[in-house]
Protein backbone atom coordinates (compact mmCIF):
# COMPACT_ATOMS: atom_id res chain seq x y z
CA MET A 1 5.87 64.27 105.42
CA GLY A 2 5.27 67.92 104.64
CA VAL A 3 8.81 68.51 103.35
CA PRO A 4 9.08 70.75 100.25
CA SER A 5 11.04 69.03 97.47
CA VAL A 6 13.33 70.28 94.72
CA ALA A 7 13.81 68.25 91.54
CA VAL A 8 16.82 68.49 89.25
CA TYR A 9 16.57 67.75 85.56
CA SER A 10 18.61 67.59 82.37
CA ASP A 11 17.62 69.11 79.04
CA CYS A 12 15.78 66.02 77.79
CA ASP A 13 13.91 65.66 81.09
CA ARG A 14 12.55 69.20 81.21
CA THR A 15 8.98 67.90 80.70
CA ALA A 16 9.41 64.81 82.91
CA LEU A 17 6.78 63.95 85.46
CA HIS A 18 9.06 64.43 88.47
CA VAL A 19 9.82 67.99 87.35
CA ARG A 20 6.17 69.01 87.50
CA GLN A 21 5.39 67.16 90.71
CA ALA A 22 8.16 68.79 92.75
CA ASP A 23 7.71 72.10 94.56
CA GLU A 24 10.68 73.51 92.65
CA ALA A 25 12.78 72.28 89.74
CA VAL A 26 16.28 73.25 88.64
CA ALA A 27 17.95 72.57 85.29
CA ILE A 28 21.43 71.15 85.78
CA GLY A 29 22.77 70.67 82.28
CA PRO A 30 22.72 68.83 78.95
CA SER A 31 21.12 65.42 78.47
CA PRO A 32 24.22 63.20 78.82
CA ALA A 33 24.36 62.04 82.44
CA ALA A 34 28.02 62.98 82.81
CA GLU A 35 27.06 66.61 82.17
CA SER A 36 24.02 66.69 84.44
CA TYR A 37 22.94 63.97 86.87
CA LEU A 38 26.51 62.76 87.45
CA ASN A 39 27.92 66.27 87.74
CA ILE A 40 28.43 66.74 91.47
CA ASP A 41 29.10 70.47 91.28
CA ARG A 42 25.88 71.17 89.39
CA VAL A 43 23.76 69.09 91.74
CA LEU A 44 25.26 70.85 94.76
CA ALA A 45 24.75 74.23 93.13
CA ALA A 46 21.06 73.43 92.67
CA ALA A 47 20.81 72.52 96.34
CA ARG A 48 22.59 75.68 97.41
CA ASP A 49 20.56 77.98 95.15
CA THR A 50 17.27 76.63 96.52
CA ASP A 51 18.38 76.67 100.17
CA SER A 52 17.93 72.91 100.41
CA THR A 53 19.05 71.23 103.62
CA ALA A 54 19.19 67.58 102.51
CA VAL A 55 19.77 65.50 99.39
CA HIS A 56 18.08 62.18 98.60
CA PRO A 57 20.19 60.43 95.94
CA GLY A 58 17.53 57.95 94.77
CA TYR A 59 18.77 54.62 93.42
CA GLY A 60 20.80 55.63 90.38
CA PHE A 61 23.49 58.01 89.18
CA LEU A 62 25.22 59.35 92.35
CA ALA A 63 23.35 57.18 94.87
CA GLU A 64 26.42 55.07 95.72
CA ASN A 65 29.08 57.66 95.02
CA ALA A 66 31.18 58.22 98.14
CA ALA A 67 32.68 61.41 96.71
CA PHE A 68 29.19 62.86 96.30
CA ALA A 69 28.18 61.89 99.84
CA ARG A 70 31.35 63.51 101.15
CA ALA A 71 30.77 66.63 99.05
CA CYS A 72 27.26 66.94 100.50
CA ARG A 73 28.64 66.69 104.01
CA ASP A 74 31.29 69.32 103.26
CA ALA A 75 28.57 71.60 101.88
CA LYS A 76 26.61 71.18 105.13
CA LEU A 77 23.90 69.20 103.33
CA ASN A 78 22.33 66.17 104.96
CA PHE A 79 23.04 63.22 102.64
CA ILE A 80 20.16 60.77 103.01
CA GLY A 81 22.27 57.66 102.97
CA PRO A 82 25.18 55.98 104.75
CA ASP A 83 28.47 57.56 105.75
CA PRO A 84 30.90 58.11 102.84
CA ALA A 85 33.46 55.76 104.38
CA VAL A 86 30.86 53.00 104.57
CA ILE A 87 29.93 53.56 100.92
CA GLU A 88 33.60 53.17 100.01
CA THR A 89 33.95 49.95 101.99
CA MET A 90 30.71 48.26 101.01
CA GLY A 91 30.42 49.76 97.53
CA GLY A 92 33.63 48.10 96.40
CA LYS A 93 33.00 44.41 95.81
CA THR A 94 36.39 43.18 97.00
CA THR A 95 36.46 45.40 100.09
CA ALA A 96 32.88 44.33 100.87
CA ARG A 97 33.93 40.68 100.53
CA GLN A 98 36.70 41.24 103.04
CA ALA A 99 34.33 43.00 105.43
CA ALA A 100 31.98 40.01 105.19
CA ILE A 101 34.82 37.59 105.90
CA ASP A 102 35.87 39.66 108.91
CA ALA A 103 32.25 39.60 110.17
CA GLY A 104 32.03 35.82 109.82
CA VAL A 105 29.59 35.93 106.90
CA PRO A 106 30.16 33.23 104.24
CA VAL A 107 31.29 34.46 100.81
CA VAL A 108 31.64 32.86 97.40
CA PRO A 109 35.24 31.70 96.80
CA GLY A 110 37.08 34.35 94.81
CA THR A 111 40.13 36.58 94.49
CA GLU A 112 41.06 40.07 95.51
CA ALA A 113 41.14 42.82 92.88
CA LEU A 114 43.36 41.76 89.98
CA ALA A 115 46.21 44.14 89.30
CA GLY A 116 46.44 45.41 85.76
CA ALA A 117 50.10 44.39 85.60
CA LEU A 118 49.37 40.65 85.88
CA SER A 119 50.53 38.63 82.88
CA ASP A 120 48.21 36.41 80.88
CA ASP A 121 49.69 33.30 82.49
CA GLU A 122 49.24 34.77 85.97
CA LEU A 123 45.59 35.50 85.21
CA ARG A 124 45.05 31.92 84.06
CA GLU A 125 46.77 30.52 87.15
CA ARG A 126 44.63 32.57 89.53
CA ALA A 127 41.51 31.51 87.69
CA GLU A 128 42.46 27.85 87.97
CA LYS A 129 42.93 28.20 91.73
CA ILE A 130 39.32 29.41 92.00
CA GLY A 131 38.01 26.71 89.68
CA PHE A 132 35.78 26.74 86.61
CA PRO A 133 33.21 27.87 85.74
CA LEU A 134 33.73 31.32 87.23
CA PHE A 135 32.67 34.92 86.83
CA ILE A 136 34.94 37.82 86.03
CA LYS A 137 33.36 40.79 87.80
CA ALA A 138 34.03 44.51 87.86
CA VAL A 139 34.92 45.83 91.31
CA ALA A 140 32.71 48.85 90.68
CA GLY A 141 30.16 46.98 88.58
CA GLY A 142 26.45 46.50 88.78
CA GLY A 143 23.42 45.57 86.70
CA GLY A 144 25.32 42.81 84.90
CA ARG A 145 27.82 45.21 83.31
CA GLY A 146 31.51 44.43 83.52
CA MET A 147 30.74 40.74 84.07
CA ARG A 148 31.79 37.70 82.04
CA ARG A 149 31.26 33.97 82.54
CA VAL A 150 34.34 31.85 81.85
CA GLY A 151 34.21 28.08 81.50
CA ASP A 152 37.84 27.15 80.91
CA ARG A 153 41.45 28.31 81.05
CA GLY A 154 41.52 29.29 77.39
CA SER A 155 38.79 31.90 77.79
CA VAL A 156 40.26 33.73 80.79
CA VAL A 157 42.35 36.43 79.11
CA ALA A 158 39.71 37.42 76.56
CA GLY A 159 37.09 37.49 79.31
CA VAL A 160 39.23 39.76 81.50
CA GLU A 161 39.86 42.15 78.61
CA ALA A 162 36.15 42.34 77.76
CA ALA A 163 35.09 42.85 81.39
CA ARG A 164 37.72 45.53 81.94
CA SER A 165 36.70 47.38 78.80
CA GLU A 166 32.99 47.31 79.64
CA ALA A 167 33.57 48.28 83.27
CA GLY A 168 35.82 51.17 82.31
CA ALA A 169 33.23 52.54 79.91
CA ALA A 170 30.32 52.11 82.33
CA PHE A 171 31.88 53.05 85.67
CA GLY A 172 35.19 54.75 84.93
CA GLU A 173 36.93 51.94 86.84
CA SER A 174 38.23 48.86 85.00
CA THR A 175 39.48 46.74 87.92
CA VAL A 176 38.06 43.21 88.02
CA TYR A 177 38.24 40.08 90.16
CA PHE A 178 37.38 36.37 89.89
CA GLU A 179 34.49 34.70 91.67
CA ARG A 180 33.41 31.06 91.58
CA LEU A 181 30.13 30.37 89.81
CA VAL A 182 27.65 28.72 92.17
CA GLU A 183 25.61 26.36 90.01
CA SER A 184 21.78 26.41 90.10
CA ALA A 185 21.80 29.25 92.63
CA ARG A 186 19.08 31.69 93.52
CA HIS A 187 19.63 35.39 94.10
CA VAL A 188 18.04 36.47 97.37
CA GLU A 189 18.61 39.70 99.23
CA VAL A 190 17.98 41.14 102.66
CA GLN A 191 16.85 44.72 103.13
CA VAL A 192 18.23 46.43 106.23
CA LEU A 193 17.62 49.74 107.93
CA GLY A 194 20.14 51.16 110.35
CA ASP A 195 19.93 54.32 112.44
CA GLN A 196 22.69 56.58 113.73
CA HIS A 197 22.47 55.02 117.19
CA GLY A 198 23.60 51.48 116.31
CA THR A 199 20.22 49.83 115.73
CA ILE A 200 19.96 47.48 112.73
CA VAL A 201 16.67 45.98 111.55
CA PRO A 202 16.70 43.24 108.88
CA PHE A 203 13.65 42.58 106.71
CA VAL A 204 12.11 39.53 105.09
CA GLU A 205 14.05 38.46 102.01
CA ARG A 206 13.38 39.40 98.40
CA GLU A 207 13.63 36.83 95.61
CA CYS A 208 15.47 38.29 92.61
CA SER A 209 16.44 35.23 90.56
CA VAL A 210 14.41 36.05 87.44
CA GLN A 211 17.16 37.84 85.56
CA ARG A 212 18.14 38.44 81.96
CA ARG A 213 21.88 38.66 81.47
CA HIS A 214 22.35 39.26 85.20
CA GLN A 215 19.82 42.11 85.29
CA LYS A 216 16.73 41.70 87.47
CA VAL A 217 13.42 41.45 85.65
CA ILE A 218 10.90 40.21 88.23
CA GLU A 219 11.24 40.39 92.02
CA GLU A 220 9.03 39.06 94.77
CA SER A 221 8.79 38.65 98.52
CA PRO A 222 8.99 36.31 100.27
CA SER A 223 11.04 33.67 98.43
CA VAL A 224 9.47 30.25 97.99
CA ALA A 225 12.92 28.71 98.56
CA VAL A 226 13.60 30.32 101.94
CA THR A 227 12.48 28.36 104.98
CA PRO A 228 11.94 30.04 108.36
CA ALA A 229 15.33 28.71 109.48
CA ILE A 230 17.12 30.08 106.41
CA ARG A 231 15.32 33.40 106.85
CA ILE A 232 16.62 33.74 110.39
CA ALA A 233 20.14 32.80 109.30
CA LEU A 234 20.07 35.33 106.46
CA ALA A 235 18.81 38.04 108.82
CA GLU A 236 21.53 37.28 111.35
CA ALA A 237 24.22 37.41 108.66
CA ALA A 238 22.88 40.72 107.35
CA MET A 239 22.76 42.18 110.86
CA ALA A 240 26.29 41.01 111.62
CA LEU A 241 27.77 42.63 108.52
CA ALA A 242 25.74 45.85 108.73
CA SER A 243 26.64 46.23 112.40
CA ALA A 244 30.31 45.55 111.72
CA VAL A 245 30.54 48.53 109.37
CA ASN A 246 28.26 50.80 111.47
CA TYR A 247 25.69 51.00 108.71
CA SER A 248 22.95 53.61 108.77
CA SER A 249 20.09 54.34 106.35
CA ALA A 250 18.62 51.82 103.89
CA GLY A 251 20.82 49.16 102.35
CA THR A 252 20.56 45.72 100.82
CA LEU A 253 22.80 42.70 101.22
CA GLU A 254 22.69 40.30 98.29
CA PHE A 255 23.28 36.56 98.66
CA LEU A 256 23.46 33.46 96.50
CA LEU A 257 21.38 30.56 97.81
CA ASP A 258 22.38 27.11 96.55
CA PRO A 259 20.04 24.10 96.20
CA ASP A 260 21.21 22.76 99.57
CA GLY A 261 20.13 25.89 101.43
CA CYS A 262 23.65 27.27 101.90
CA PHE A 263 24.04 30.98 101.21
CA TYR A 264 26.98 33.20 100.30
CA PHE A 265 27.35 36.97 100.47
CA LEU A 266 27.68 38.63 97.08
CA GLU A 267 27.65 42.39 97.60
CA MET A 268 25.89 45.26 99.29
CA ASN A 269 23.93 48.06 97.68
CA THR A 270 24.37 51.12 99.86
CA ARG A 271 21.15 52.74 98.70
CA LEU A 272 17.45 52.17 98.23
CA GLN A 273 16.78 49.29 95.84
CA VAL A 274 14.63 49.53 92.73
CA GLU A 275 12.55 46.64 94.08
CA HIS A 276 11.82 48.12 97.50
CA PRO A 277 8.02 48.22 96.88
CA VAL A 278 7.67 44.45 97.39
CA THR A 279 9.16 44.81 100.87
CA GLU A 280 6.84 47.70 101.65
CA TRP A 281 3.87 45.62 100.48
CA VAL A 282 4.50 42.62 102.74
CA THR A 283 5.64 44.56 105.82
CA GLY A 284 3.59 47.76 105.67
CA ILE A 285 6.74 49.79 106.38
CA ASP A 286 7.57 52.89 104.31
CA LEU A 287 11.30 52.54 103.60
CA VAL A 288 11.75 55.96 102.01
CA GLN A 289 10.11 57.71 104.93
CA TRP A 290 12.41 55.86 107.30
CA GLN A 291 15.44 56.88 105.25
CA ILE A 292 14.51 60.50 105.84
CA ARG A 293 13.72 59.99 109.51
CA ILE A 294 17.04 58.22 110.07
CA ALA A 295 18.89 61.06 108.35
CA ARG A 296 17.21 63.42 110.82
CA GLY A 297 18.74 61.43 113.65
CA GLU A 298 15.60 59.63 114.79
CA LEU A 299 15.72 56.31 116.59
CA LEU A 300 14.67 53.33 114.48
CA ALA A 301 11.37 52.32 116.05
CA ILE A 302 10.44 49.29 113.95
CA ASP A 303 9.28 45.95 115.31
CA ARG A 304 11.70 43.31 114.01
CA ASP A 305 8.96 40.70 114.01
CA GLN A 306 6.92 42.90 111.70
CA ALA A 307 9.92 43.38 109.41
CA LEU A 308 10.79 39.67 109.24
CA ASN A 309 7.34 38.10 109.08
CA PRO A 310 5.60 38.91 105.79
CA THR A 311 1.89 39.43 105.37
CA GLY A 312 0.79 37.98 102.05
CA HIS A 313 2.96 37.96 98.93
CA ALA A 314 4.16 40.69 96.56
CA VAL A 315 5.52 40.60 93.00
CA GLU A 316 7.18 43.37 90.99
CA CYS A 317 7.76 43.59 87.23
CA ARG A 318 10.08 46.13 85.67
CA VAL A 319 8.59 47.74 82.57
CA TYR A 320 11.27 48.84 80.11
CA ALA A 321 10.99 50.74 76.85
CA GLU A 322 12.71 47.92 75.00
CA ASP A 323 11.83 45.71 72.04
CA PRO A 324 11.83 42.07 73.19
CA ASP A 325 11.52 40.90 69.57
CA ALA A 326 14.78 42.64 68.69
CA GLY A 327 16.92 41.29 71.50
CA PHE A 328 15.58 43.76 74.07
CA VAL A 329 17.24 46.76 72.46
CA PRO A 330 16.16 50.15 73.85
CA ALA A 331 13.07 51.55 72.13
CA PRO A 332 12.94 55.27 72.94
CA GLY A 333 10.26 57.52 71.54
CA ARG A 334 7.23 59.64 72.35
CA ILE A 335 4.48 58.13 74.47
CA THR A 336 1.28 59.01 72.63
CA SER A 337 -1.16 57.54 75.13
CA LEU A 338 -0.91 56.02 78.57
CA ARG A 339 -3.31 54.23 80.88
CA GLY A 340 -1.77 52.55 83.89
CA PRO A 341 -3.19 49.66 85.90
CA SER A 342 -5.21 50.23 89.03
CA GLY A 343 -7.30 48.45 91.61
CA PRO A 344 -6.81 46.82 95.01
CA GLY A 345 -3.34 45.39 95.54
CA VAL A 346 -1.85 47.14 92.49
CA ARG A 347 0.88 49.78 92.58
CA ASP A 348 2.38 51.55 89.57
CA ASP A 349 5.60 53.44 90.29
CA SER A 350 5.80 55.28 86.97
CA GLY A 351 7.89 58.25 85.94
CA VAL A 352 6.24 58.95 82.58
CA GLU A 353 2.99 60.19 81.10
CA ALA A 354 1.41 60.74 77.70
CA GLY A 355 3.44 63.18 75.63
CA PHE A 356 6.75 62.35 77.31
CA GLU A 357 9.71 61.53 75.09
CA VAL A 358 11.57 58.51 76.48
CA PRO A 359 15.23 59.54 76.08
CA VAL A 360 18.14 57.51 74.76
CA PHE A 361 20.53 58.77 77.42
CA TYR A 362 19.48 56.78 80.49
CA ASP A 363 18.20 53.44 81.69
CA SER A 364 15.10 52.48 79.71
CA MET A 365 12.91 51.55 82.69
CA ILE A 366 9.71 53.61 82.64
CA SER A 367 7.70 51.91 85.38
CA LYS A 368 7.66 49.35 88.17
CA VAL A 369 4.39 47.50 88.54
CA SER A 370 3.93 45.67 91.83
CA THR A 371 1.03 43.65 93.17
CA TRP A 372 0.09 42.21 96.54
CA ALA A 373 -2.29 39.42 97.49
CA ARG A 374 -2.88 36.89 100.24
CA ASP A 375 -0.67 34.30 98.54
CA ARG A 376 1.78 33.99 95.65
CA GLY A 377 -0.70 32.55 93.19
CA GLU A 378 -3.14 35.41 93.68
CA ALA A 379 -0.34 37.98 93.43
CA ILE A 380 0.77 36.52 90.08
CA VAL A 381 -2.80 36.51 88.73
CA ARG A 382 -3.19 40.11 89.84
CA MET A 383 0.10 41.02 88.15
CA GLU A 384 -0.99 39.43 84.88
CA ARG A 385 -4.22 41.42 84.97
CA ALA A 386 -2.34 44.64 85.78
CA LEU A 387 0.08 44.18 82.89
CA ARG A 388 -2.78 43.49 80.48
CA GLU A 389 -4.45 46.69 81.67
CA TYR A 390 -1.29 48.71 81.06
CA GLN A 391 -1.85 50.54 77.77
CA ILE A 392 1.18 52.43 76.45
CA GLY A 393 0.96 53.91 72.97
CA GLY A 394 3.75 55.18 70.75
CA ILE A 395 6.60 53.04 72.09
CA THR A 396 7.47 49.37 72.39
CA THR A 397 7.77 47.84 75.86
CA VAL A 398 8.67 44.49 77.39
CA ILE A 399 5.14 43.87 78.69
CA PRO A 400 4.49 41.00 76.22
CA ALA A 401 7.69 39.31 77.40
CA LEU A 402 6.75 39.79 81.06
CA LEU A 403 3.35 38.18 80.45
CA TRP A 404 5.12 35.25 78.82
CA VAL A 405 7.44 34.80 81.82
CA LEU A 406 4.49 34.81 84.21
CA LYS A 407 3.03 31.84 82.29
CA GLN A 408 6.14 29.66 82.44
CA ASP A 409 5.71 26.51 84.52
CA ALA A 410 9.07 26.99 86.24
CA PHE A 411 8.04 30.45 87.40
CA LEU A 412 4.53 29.44 88.42
CA HIS A 413 5.87 26.56 90.52
CA GLY A 414 8.73 28.62 91.98
CA ASN A 415 11.25 26.18 90.52
CA PHE A 416 13.87 28.53 89.07
CA ASP A 417 17.38 29.88 89.53
CA THR A 418 19.33 32.83 88.14
CA GLY A 419 19.80 31.08 84.79
CA PHE A 420 16.11 30.24 84.30
CA LEU A 421 15.12 33.16 82.09
CA ASP A 422 18.20 33.07 79.84
CA ARG A 423 17.64 29.33 79.25
CA ALA A 424 13.95 29.89 78.53
CA LEU A 425 14.77 32.61 76.01
CA VAL A 426 17.21 30.29 74.22
CA GLU A 427 14.55 27.58 74.04
CA ARG A 428 12.11 30.13 72.66
CA ALA A 429 14.43 30.41 69.66
CA GLY A 430 13.57 33.98 68.75
CA ARG A 431 9.81 33.54 68.38
CA SER A 432 7.97 36.84 68.53
CA PHE A 433 6.44 37.90 71.83
CA SER A 434 3.71 39.60 69.82
CA GLU A 435 2.53 36.33 68.29
CA LEU A 436 -1.12 35.32 68.39
CA THR A 437 -2.60 33.88 71.54
CA ASP A 438 -3.59 30.20 71.63
CA GLU A 439 -7.23 31.19 71.23
CA GLN A 440 -6.42 33.34 68.20
CA VAL A 441 -4.39 30.54 66.63
CA ASP A 442 -7.25 28.05 67.12
CA LEU A 443 -9.75 30.47 65.58
CA ALA A 444 -7.47 31.16 62.61
CA MET A 445 -6.97 27.43 61.99
CA MET A 446 -10.69 26.71 62.13
CA THR A 447 -11.44 29.62 59.81
CA ALA A 448 -8.79 28.46 57.34
CA ALA A 449 -10.18 24.92 57.39
CA VAL A 450 -13.72 26.14 56.69
CA PHE A 451 -12.59 28.36 53.83
CA THR A 452 -10.50 25.58 52.33
CA TYR A 453 -13.42 23.18 52.44
CA LEU A 454 -15.91 25.64 50.98
CA SER A 455 -13.54 26.71 48.23
CA ALA A 456 -13.20 23.08 47.15
CA THR A 457 -16.97 22.48 46.86
CA ASP A 458 -19.31 23.54 44.10
CA VAL A 459 -21.89 25.37 46.18
CA LYS A 460 -24.20 27.64 44.17
CA HIS A 461 -26.24 30.66 45.17
CA VAL A 462 -29.77 29.79 46.21
CA SER A 463 -30.89 32.82 44.20
CA GLY A 464 -31.01 30.62 41.14
CA GLU A 465 -28.53 32.71 39.15
CA GLY A 466 -26.02 29.88 39.40
CA ALA A 467 -23.11 32.08 40.38
CA ALA A 468 -20.76 30.51 42.91
CA ALA A 469 -20.95 32.07 46.33
CA THR A 470 -17.83 33.70 47.66
CA PRO A 471 -16.06 32.09 50.64
CA TRP A 472 -17.23 35.00 52.80
CA GLN A 473 -20.86 34.35 51.82
CA ARG A 474 -20.52 30.64 52.48
CA ALA A 475 -18.97 31.23 55.86
CA ALA A 476 -21.81 33.60 56.70
CA ARG A 477 -24.39 30.97 55.79
CA LEU A 478 -22.63 28.39 57.93
CA GLY A 479 -22.64 30.88 60.77
CA GLY A 480 -26.37 31.35 60.32
CA LEU A 481 -26.99 27.61 60.52
CA ARG A 482 -25.46 27.57 63.98
CA HIS A 483 -28.26 29.74 65.39
């Protein structure tokens, strides 16, 4: 778009790819996020010192922080996102639920925010009114943090304490609420764009049900479970709620879809989603560019038919620096070599390169690989090829686990819900993701059988010396007989 950009970075990110690709870069503090990327004053100082006129918050750190959006406005900086008041309303899960109810959008049965002064018995009583099983969720939560599944009355108090503790540590806000667990549900979401003139455009849904511990792993668009009628209903619900709160910029409304085709509003992300590339693939619309254009005050000139009717199919896999054989623990370290995937229909949104030290301070995602093809089957095949092409040396990644997921029958047939991956991992029973392939196992078994047989026979050298041939020599002779 021809707009000069300024990157900010912490101490451990001083050699990061985004720092070198920006027109300017400003150091904003030590590696811990609280002292750098979450420090509003330092981010604003960087903007002021470089004469910046706008701030794009990305999709992490301060992206959904209403105080930051308000501080940008007060500093006469154009915050590329929704109004601070809208972030406050839709960023809080209980206030967003109420907004959905007011807009006539169905929600999952649940409670308001639970006061910290409630007694243990009062917590149990409120949980029983919702019904088991249920989720305890952090009001300010996200990414599966501050969330606990409770199956009976006896587990309520311990679950609340654990969720509050985790939420307080992760978000600085420990308030939680109860929400009924919808069994065998899918997680689908609707991307919306809204301008400053009241126009709302909903997009074709994204399927985000492949999750590990409530964190998305693989996303795709469109969803195999969404019929044209459900798609229209989802779009209308998203438009109704976004319009009701005067939403502008990019945002995503998340829904649960049950096996009967009924859907329920979960929450809204008042920012650009990590998985936005799949929407861009199937619609041909650049969401980030439109965020900037909307912030400039432009009218949203997007054909709704184009936004709602996908062309082909797209899949995205999140590549994390984690060790899947050790329970997916973070695996930071120096990347010694890197060769990303390429080719038609392949996109690699990567923030690293060879020589970069993956830090311990932030989320461990290092890349998003997305593929597009004419249909879902082709997109999956293309994704498998792209992941096999991805060569990352020096660190451990989840790529072997992603390749395994892509081969699961439930995934291939589109027959999955939000619990699919966790169940599959339990059934896997801790087997290594780095184990031999089926072809390698077959070859090893055949080789072992040949060596066992030859070792048990009394084959002599044909040289006449009478010395027994080694197993390697015998195997070589057998190999020669095949030609």
